[in-house]
Amino acid sequence: MVNSRYMSWVFDAGKIGLTALIIFAVVHVSERNTLLAAVLASIPIVSVLAMMWMNHEGQSAEQIGGFAKDIVWLVIPSLLLFIVMPLLIERGWEFYPALGAGLMTTILGYLLMIQIMDKYGLTA
């Protein structure tokens, strides 16, 4: 009989490996076709995999549905990165400072959105 703790570790390692493989694939596709890489990166693969793993680990459909609803609201501030960073690069900023500013803007957007979600009862 296989130890369940060992199987849990193997499953977790598989999740990490699959996630890394997806990122690796997007990076390599981007070397040939940035639009195709953007399409691949924009697909909510991580969210879908997370919901599949949640289901596999026994979470209820209601919990998974709540998770999906929360994602909808948090997509809005996540878009800030993809607005702020390219604008700053176009204005002459170097990549890492522009990325940092985009990430900081996104973090602030998340904090604001979480407050809005709590205030208006939008969380699952």
Protein backbone atom coordinates (compact mmCIF):
# COMPACT_ATOMS: atom_id res chain seq x y z
CA MET A 1 0.00 0.00 0.00
CA VAL A 2 1.30 3.43 -0.96
CA ASN A 3 1.70 6.02 1.79
CA SER A 4 -0.93 8.76 1.35
CA ARG A 5 1.50 11.46 2.49
CA TYR A 6 3.92 10.33 -0.23
CA MET A 7 1.12 10.44 -2.83
CA SER A 8 0.17 13.93 -1.67
CA TRP A 9 3.77 15.04 -2.17
CA VAL A 10 3.87 13.44 -5.63
CA PHE A 11 0.61 15.18 -6.57
CA ASP A 12 1.93 18.54 -5.32
CA ALA A 13 5.17 18.05 -7.27
CA GLY A 14 3.11 17.26 -10.36
CA LYS A 15 1.13 20.50 -9.92
CA ILE A 16 4.36 22.49 -9.64
CA GLY A 17 5.85 20.74 -12.67
CA LEU A 18 2.77 21.34 -14.81
CA THR A 19 2.67 25.02 -13.84
CA ALA A 20 6.36 25.41 -14.69
CA LEU A 21 5.82 23.64 -18.01
CA ILE A 22 3.05 26.07 -18.95
CA ILE A 23 5.25 29.08 -18.20
CA PHE A 24 8.16 27.51 -20.07
CA ALA A 25 5.93 26.89 -23.11
CA VAL A 26 4.63 30.47 -23.17
CA VAL A 27 8.18 31.86 -23.01
CA HIS A 28 9.37 29.67 -25.88
CA VAL A 29 6.33 30.42 -28.03
CA SER A 30 6.93 34.15 -27.44
CA GLU A 31 10.33 33.86 -29.14
CA ARG A 32 8.52 33.00 -32.38
CA ASN A 33 5.12 34.67 -32.08
CA THR A 34 4.33 37.19 -29.33
CA LEU A 35 0.63 37.34 -30.21
CA LEU A 36 0.23 33.57 -29.88
CA ALA A 37 2.16 33.66 -26.60
CA ALA A 38 -0.13 36.44 -25.37
CA VAL A 39 -3.18 34.35 -26.26
CA LEU A 40 -1.74 31.38 -24.35
CA ALA A 41 -0.83 33.55 -21.37
CA SER A 42 -4.27 35.18 -21.30
CA ILE A 43 -6.11 31.87 -21.06
CA PRO A 44 -6.97 31.35 -17.40
CA ILE A 45 -5.01 28.09 -17.29
CA VAL A 46 -3.85 28.60 -13.72
CA SER A 47 -7.40 29.32 -12.55
CA VAL A 48 -8.79 26.28 -14.35
CA LEU A 49 -6.05 24.03 -12.95
CA ALA A 50 -6.58 25.45 -9.47
CA MET A 51 -10.31 24.69 -9.67
CA MET A 52 -9.57 21.17 -10.91
CA TRP A 53 -7.12 20.64 -8.03
CA MET A 54 -9.63 22.08 -5.55
CA ASN A 55 -12.22 19.60 -6.82
CA HIS A 56 -9.71 16.74 -6.69
CA GLU A 57 -8.87 17.64 -3.09
CA GLY A 58 -12.53 17.51 -2.09
CA GLN A 59 -13.67 21.11 -1.98
CA SER A 60 -17.36 21.61 -2.67
CA ALA A 61 -18.80 22.97 -5.91
CA GLU A 62 -20.00 25.98 -3.91
CA GLN A 63 -16.46 26.73 -2.70
CA ILE A 64 -15.09 26.40 -6.22
CA GLY A 65 -17.89 28.59 -7.57
CA GLY A 66 -17.08 31.23 -4.94
CA PHE A 67 -13.43 31.07 -5.92
CA ALA A 68 -14.40 31.65 -9.57
CA LYS A 69 -16.61 34.62 -8.61
CA ASP A 70 -13.78 36.18 -6.59
CA ILE A 71 -11.47 35.80 -9.59
CA VAL A 72 -13.89 37.79 -11.76
CA TRP A 73 -13.60 40.81 -9.49
CA LEU A 74 -9.82 40.48 -9.11
CA VAL A 75 -9.21 40.34 -12.87
CA ILE A 76 -10.01 44.06 -13.00
CA PRO A 77 -7.02 45.24 -10.92
CA SER A 78 -4.76 42.63 -12.53
CA LEU A 79 -5.23 44.49 -15.82
CA LEU A 80 -3.41 47.49 -14.35
CA LEU A 81 -0.06 45.75 -14.89
CA PHE A 82 -0.76 45.40 -18.59
CA ILE A 83 -1.81 49.04 -18.87
CA VAL A 84 0.81 50.76 -16.71
CA MET A 85 3.94 48.82 -17.70
CA PRO A 86 3.69 49.30 -21.49
CA LEU A 87 2.81 52.98 -21.05
CA LEU A 88 5.92 53.53 -18.94
CA ILE A 89 8.13 51.63 -21.39
CA GLU A 90 6.75 53.76 -24.23
CA ARG A 91 7.71 56.83 -22.18
CA GLY A 92 11.31 55.67 -21.94
CA TRP A 93 11.36 53.70 -18.70
CA GLU A 94 13.61 50.65 -18.55
CA PHE A 95 11.93 47.25 -18.30
CA TYR A 96 12.45 46.44 -14.60
CA PRO A 97 11.45 49.86 -13.22
CA ALA A 98 8.36 49.81 -15.48
CA LEU A 99 7.56 46.26 -14.36
CA GLY A 100 8.01 47.25 -10.71
CA ALA A 101 5.74 50.26 -11.10
CA GLY A 102 3.15 48.11 -12.89
CA LEU A 103 3.30 45.50 -10.13
CA MET A 104 2.98 48.14 -7.40
CA THR A 105 -0.01 49.66 -9.19
CA THR A 106 -1.55 46.20 -9.46
CA ILE A 107 -0.99 45.48 -5.76
CA LEU A 108 -2.64 48.79 -4.85
CA GLY A 109 -5.48 47.92 -7.22
CA TYR A 110 -5.91 44.54 -5.50
CA LEU A 111 -6.02 46.17 -2.07
CA LEU A 112 -8.61 48.69 -3.24
CA MET A 113 -10.70 46.04 -4.99
CA ILE A 114 -10.67 43.79 -1.92
CA GLN A 115 -11.95 46.70 0.16
CA ILE A 116 -14.68 47.37 -2.42
CA MET A 117 -15.60 43.67 -2.50
CA ASP A 118 -15.86 43.59 1.31
CA LYS A 119 -17.84 46.85 1.47
CA TYR A 120 -20.42 45.75 -1.11
CA GLY A 121 -20.55 42.07 -0.17
CA LEU A 122 -19.03 40.88 -3.46
CA THR A 123 -16.88 38.16 -1.93
CA ALA A 124 -18.05 34.59 -2.00
